[in-house]
Amino acid sequence: MKVEEALQILKEHGFKYTGKREEMIRICAAEKRYLSAKDIMERIKEQYPTLSFDTVYRNISTFVELGILEETELDGEGRFRLACSTDGHHHHHVICTECGKTSSLPGCPMTIISAVPEEFQVTGHKFEVYGTCKECVTHSN
């Protein structure tokens, strides 16, 4: 997803444009990894020193609800990244537990899972693979 697409989604859902919202989206767009709310707060604080953590977190929650940000959990903390696309393409990620970098996995494991009982109607699922990326492995040796 591009920043402009994210801003358009906000507009379509009746949210007014603010420089703070745009900057939060730009921060997430600049990274190819998941960021914590604290990471986002630290990066935006210089430009908006009076901005509260509650405001940052409320906006993050709105962005997740609208599909602008994707959310995962690492080390018991919510992490966020700009959604990969707006086309609704179903995908999953490999996530580095050291630096948070992600990449998409081809395919979906649900296509090979036959253990779901026939009487159970699947309405959604989430699949993530955690590990250490090549760069982080190299730096730790």
C-alpha atoms as a PDB file:
ATOM      1  CA  MET A   1       0.000   0.000   0.000  1.00  0.00           C
ATOM      2  CA  LYS A   2       1.151   3.526  -0.705  1.00  0.00           C
ATOM      3  CA  VAL A   3       0.757   6.495   1.637  1.00  0.00           C
ATOM      4  CA  GLU A   4      -1.712   8.146  -0.757  1.00  0.00           C
ATOM      5  CA  GLU A   5      -3.885   5.000  -0.782  1.00  0.00           C
ATOM      6  CA  ALA A   6      -3.919   4.949   3.020  1.00  0.00           C
ATOM      7  CA  LEU A   7      -4.941   8.607   3.193  1.00  0.00           C
ATOM      8  CA  GLN A   8      -7.711   7.948   0.668  1.00  0.00           C
ATOM      9  CA  ILE A   9      -9.037   5.096   2.840  1.00  0.00           C
ATOM     10  CA  LEU A  10      -9.146   7.452   5.834  1.00  0.00           C
ATOM     11  CA  LYS A  11     -11.034  10.038   3.764  1.00  0.00           C
ATOM     12  CA  GLU A  12     -13.504   7.448   2.445  1.00  0.00           C
ATOM     13  CA  HIS A  13     -14.308   6.441   6.025  1.00  0.00           C
ATOM     14  CA  GLY A  14     -14.929  10.008   7.183  1.00  0.00           C
ATOM     15  CA  PHE A  15     -11.634  10.672   8.966  1.00  0.00           C
ATOM     16  CA  LYS A  16     -10.211  14.118   8.410  1.00  0.00           C
ATOM     17  CA  TYR A  17      -6.712  14.637   7.118  1.00  0.00           C
ATOM     18  CA  THR A  18      -4.103  15.600   9.699  1.00  0.00           C
ATOM     19  CA  GLY A  19      -0.360  15.959   9.308  1.00  0.00           C
ATOM     20  CA  LYS A  20       0.082  13.676  12.334  1.00  0.00           C
ATOM     21  CA  ARG A  21      -1.870  10.858  10.717  1.00  0.00           C
ATOM     22  CA  GLU A  22       0.025  11.251   7.471  1.00  0.00           C
ATOM     23  CA  GLU A  23       3.363  11.246   9.302  1.00  0.00           C
ATOM     24  CA  MET A  24       2.456   8.078  11.204  1.00  0.00           C
ATOM     25  CA  ILE A  25       1.576   6.365   7.931  1.00  0.00           C
ATOM     26  CA  ARG A  26       4.806   7.648   6.325  1.00  0.00           C
ATOM     27  CA  ILE A  27       6.843   6.250   9.236  1.00  0.00           C
ATOM     28  CA  CYS A  28       5.287   2.831   8.708  1.00  0.00           C
ATOM     29  CA  ALA A  29       5.666   3.056   4.922  1.00  0.00           C
ATOM     30  CA  ALA A  30       9.390   3.777   5.255  1.00  0.00           C
ATOM     31  CA  GLU A  31       9.962   0.457   7.032  1.00  0.00           C
ATOM     32  CA  LYS A  32       9.740  -3.096   5.721  1.00  0.00           C
ATOM     33  CA  ARG A  33       9.290  -4.386   9.233  1.00  0.00           C
ATOM     34  CA  TYR A  34       6.866  -4.311  12.114  1.00  0.00           C
ATOM     35  CA  LEU A  35       7.144  -1.344  14.498  1.00  0.00           C
ATOM     36  CA  SER A  36       5.851  -1.022  18.037  1.00  0.00           C
ATOM     37  CA  ALA A  37       3.634   1.908  19.014  1.00  0.00           C
ATOM     38  CA  LYS A  38       6.619   3.118  21.035  1.00  0.00           C
ATOM     39  CA  ASP A  39       8.842   3.042  17.906  1.00  0.00           C
ATOM     40  CA  ILE A  40       6.285   5.126  16.015  1.00  0.00           C
ATOM     41  CA  MET A  41       5.933   7.525  18.959  1.00  0.00           C
ATOM     42  CA  GLU A  42       9.706   8.049  19.175  1.00  0.00           C
ATOM     43  CA  ARG A  43       9.935   8.874  15.472  1.00  0.00           C
ATOM     44  CA  ILE A  44       7.025  11.310  15.404  1.00  0.00           C
ATOM     45  CA  LYS A  45       7.807  13.043  18.732  1.00  0.00           C
ATOM     46  CA  GLU A  46      10.462  15.318  17.227  1.00  0.00           C
ATOM     47  CA  GLN A  47       8.008  16.760  14.699  1.00  0.00           C
ATOM     48  CA  TYR A  48       5.044  16.782  17.120  1.00  0.00           C
ATOM     49  CA  PRO A  49       6.490  17.152  20.651  1.00  0.00           C
ATOM     50  CA  THR A  50       3.090  17.628  22.351  1.00  0.00           C
ATOM     51  CA  LEU A  51       1.534  14.522  20.785  1.00  0.00           C
ATOM     52  CA  SER A  52       0.383  12.020  23.417  1.00  0.00           C
ATOM     53  CA  PHE A  53       0.959   8.283  23.322  1.00  0.00           C
ATOM     54  CA  ASP A  54      -2.820   7.788  23.626  1.00  0.00           C
ATOM     55  CA  THR A  55      -3.354   9.739  20.396  1.00  0.00           C
ATOM     56  CA  VAL A  56      -0.711   7.687  18.601  1.00  0.00           C
ATOM     57  CA  TYR A  57      -2.218   4.438  19.858  1.00  0.00           C
ATOM     58  CA  ARG A  58      -5.806   5.469  18.993  1.00  0.00           C
ATOM     59  CA  ASN A  59      -4.715   6.294  15.447  1.00  0.00           C
ATOM     60  CA  ILE A  60      -2.838   2.996  15.146  1.00  0.00           C
ATOM     61  CA  SER A  61      -6.006   1.164  16.238  1.00  0.00           C
ATOM     62  CA  THR A  62      -8.035   3.044  13.626  1.00  0.00           C
ATOM     63  CA  PHE A  63      -5.461   2.241  10.937  1.00  0.00           C
ATOM     64  CA  VAL A  64      -5.634  -1.472  11.852  1.00  0.00           C
ATOM     65  CA  GLU A  65      -9.464  -1.461  11.778  1.00  0.00           C
ATOM     66  CA  LEU A  66      -9.423   0.154   8.322  1.00  0.00           C
ATOM     67  CA  GLY A  67      -6.829  -2.292   6.960  1.00  0.00           C
ATOM     68  CA  ILE A  68      -4.154   0.390   6.563  1.00  0.00           C
ATOM     69  CA  LEU A  69      -1.835  -1.307   9.053  1.00  0.00           C
ATOM     70  CA  GLU A  70      -1.286  -5.013   9.636  1.00  0.00           C
ATOM     71  CA  GLU A  71      -0.775  -6.144  13.218  1.00  0.00           C
ATOM     72  CA  THR A  72       1.168  -8.959  14.842  1.00  0.00           C
ATOM     73  CA  GLU A  73       2.564  -9.668  18.288  1.00  0.00           C
ATOM     74  CA  LEU A  74       6.258 -10.081  19.080  1.00  0.00           C
ATOM     75  CA  ASP A  75       7.500 -10.631  22.629  1.00  0.00           C
ATOM     76  CA  GLY A  76       4.025  -9.915  23.997  1.00  0.00           C
ATOM     77  CA  GLU A  77       3.848  -6.493  22.344  1.00  0.00           C
ATOM     78  CA  GLY A  78       1.671  -5.378  19.443  1.00  0.00           C
ATOM     79  CA  ARG A  79       3.662  -4.495  16.323  1.00  0.00           C
ATOM     80  CA  PHE A  80       2.415  -2.762  13.208  1.00  0.00           C
ATOM     81  CA  ARG A  81       3.375  -2.293   9.570  1.00  0.00           C
ATOM     82  CA  LEU A  82       1.784  -0.724   6.518  1.00  0.00           C
ATOM     83  CA  ALA A  83      -0.520  -3.232   4.832  1.00  0.00           C
ATOM     84  CA  CYS A  84       1.119  -4.893   1.866  1.00  0.00           C
ATOM     85  CA  SER A  85      -1.660  -4.095  -0.590  1.00  0.00           C
ATOM     86  CA  THR A  86      -5.152  -2.741  -0.959  1.00  0.00           C
ATOM     87  CA  ASP A  87      -6.315  -5.455  -3.360  1.00  0.00           C
ATOM     88  CA  GLY A  88      -7.252  -7.784  -0.516  1.00  0.00           C
ATOM     89  CA  HIS A  89      -4.677 -10.340  -1.678  1.00  0.00           C
ATOM     90  CA  HIS A  90      -4.511 -13.025   0.989  1.00  0.00           C
ATOM     91  CA  HIS A  91      -0.970 -13.630   2.221  1.00  0.00           C
ATOM     92  CA  HIS A  92       1.180 -14.530   5.213  1.00  0.00           C
ATOM     93  CA  HIS A  93       4.588 -13.395   6.493  1.00  0.00           C
ATOM     94  CA  VAL A  94       7.964 -14.594   7.675  1.00  0.00           C
ATOM     95  CA  ILE A  95       9.038 -12.281  10.521  1.00  0.00           C
ATOM     96  CA  CYS A  96      12.517 -11.765  11.987  1.00  0.00           C
ATOM     97  CA  THR A  97      12.266 -11.744  15.777  1.00  0.00           C
ATOM     98  CA  GLU A  98      15.465  -9.683  16.049  1.00  0.00           C
ATOM     99  CA  CYS A  99      14.810  -6.710  13.736  1.00  0.00           C
ATOM    100  CA  GLY A 100      11.143  -7.187  12.784  1.00  0.00           C
ATOM    101  CA  LYS A 101      11.786  -7.354   9.008  1.00  0.00           C
ATOM    102  CA  THR A 102       9.137  -9.226   7.094  1.00  0.00           C
ATOM    103  CA  SER A 103       8.595 -10.802   3.751  1.00  0.00           C
ATOM    104  CA  SER A 104       5.519 -12.417   2.242  1.00  0.00           C
ATOM    105  CA  LEU A 105       5.159 -16.155   1.941  1.00  0.00           C
ATOM    106  CA  PRO A 106       3.946 -17.601  -1.342  1.00  0.00           C
ATOM    107  CA  GLY A 107       0.742 -19.549  -0.948  1.00  0.00           C
ATOM    108  CA  CYS A 108      -1.337 -20.319   2.102  1.00  0.00           C
ATOM    109  CA  PRO A 109      -0.979 -23.317   4.429  1.00  0.00           C
ATOM    110  CA  MET A 110      -4.775 -23.567   4.740  1.00  0.00           C
ATOM    111  CA  THR A 111      -4.823 -25.162   1.285  1.00  0.00           C
ATOM    112  CA  ILE A 112      -3.073 -28.257   2.691  1.00  0.00           C
ATOM    113  CA  ILE A 113      -4.757 -28.442   6.095  1.00  0.00           C
ATOM    114  CA  SER A 114      -7.379 -31.159   6.035  1.00  0.00           C
ATOM    115  CA  ALA A 115      -7.739 -31.514   9.811  1.00  0.00           C
ATOM    116  CA  VAL A 116     -10.468 -28.857  10.107  1.00  0.00           C
ATOM    117  CA  PRO A 117     -13.723 -30.730  10.823  1.00  0.00           C
ATOM    118  CA  GLU A 118     -16.298 -30.576   8.013  1.00  0.00           C
ATOM    119  CA  GLU A 119     -18.921 -29.111  10.350  1.00  0.00           C
ATOM    120  CA  PHE A 120     -16.600 -26.211  11.223  1.00  0.00           C
ATOM    121  CA  GLN A 121     -16.906 -23.159   8.968  1.00  0.00           C
ATOM    122  CA  VAL A 122     -13.595 -21.266   8.826  1.00  0.00           C
ATOM    123  CA  THR A 123     -14.138 -17.501   8.778  1.00  0.00           C
ATOM    124  CA  GLY A 124     -10.509 -16.447   8.984  1.00  0.00           C
ATOM    125  CA  HIS A 125      -7.024 -17.470  10.003  1.00  0.00           C
ATOM    126  CA  LYS A 126      -3.552 -16.097  10.633  1.00  0.00           C
ATOM    127  CA  PHE A 127      -0.237 -17.779   9.883  1.00  0.00           C
ATOM    128  CA  GLU A 128       3.184 -16.293  10.642  1.00  0.00           C
ATOM    129  CA  VAL A 129       6.629 -17.852  10.697  1.00  0.00           C
ATOM    130  CA  TYR A 130       9.128 -16.439  13.195  1.00  0.00           C
ATOM    131  CA  GLY A 131      12.899 -16.711  12.992  1.00  0.00           C
ATOM    132  CA  THR A 132      16.058 -14.723  12.382  1.00  0.00           C
ATOM    133  CA  CYS A 133      16.829 -13.048   9.054  1.00  0.00           C
ATOM    134  CA  LYS A 134      20.161 -13.479   7.277  1.00  0.00           C
ATOM    135  CA  GLU A 135      21.413 -10.010   8.289  1.00  0.00           C
ATOM    136  CA  CYS A 136      20.665 -10.546  11.983  1.00  0.00           C
ATOM    137  CA  VAL A 137      22.283 -14.021  11.974  1.00  0.00           C
ATOM    138  CA  THR A 138      25.397 -12.533  10.350  1.00  0.00           C
ATOM    139  CA  HIS A 139      25.580  -9.692  12.921  1.00  0.00           C
ATOM    140  CA  SER A 140      25.238 -12.051  15.886  1.00  0.00           C
ATOM    141  CA  ASN A 141      28.144 -14.282  14.829  1.00  0.00           C
END
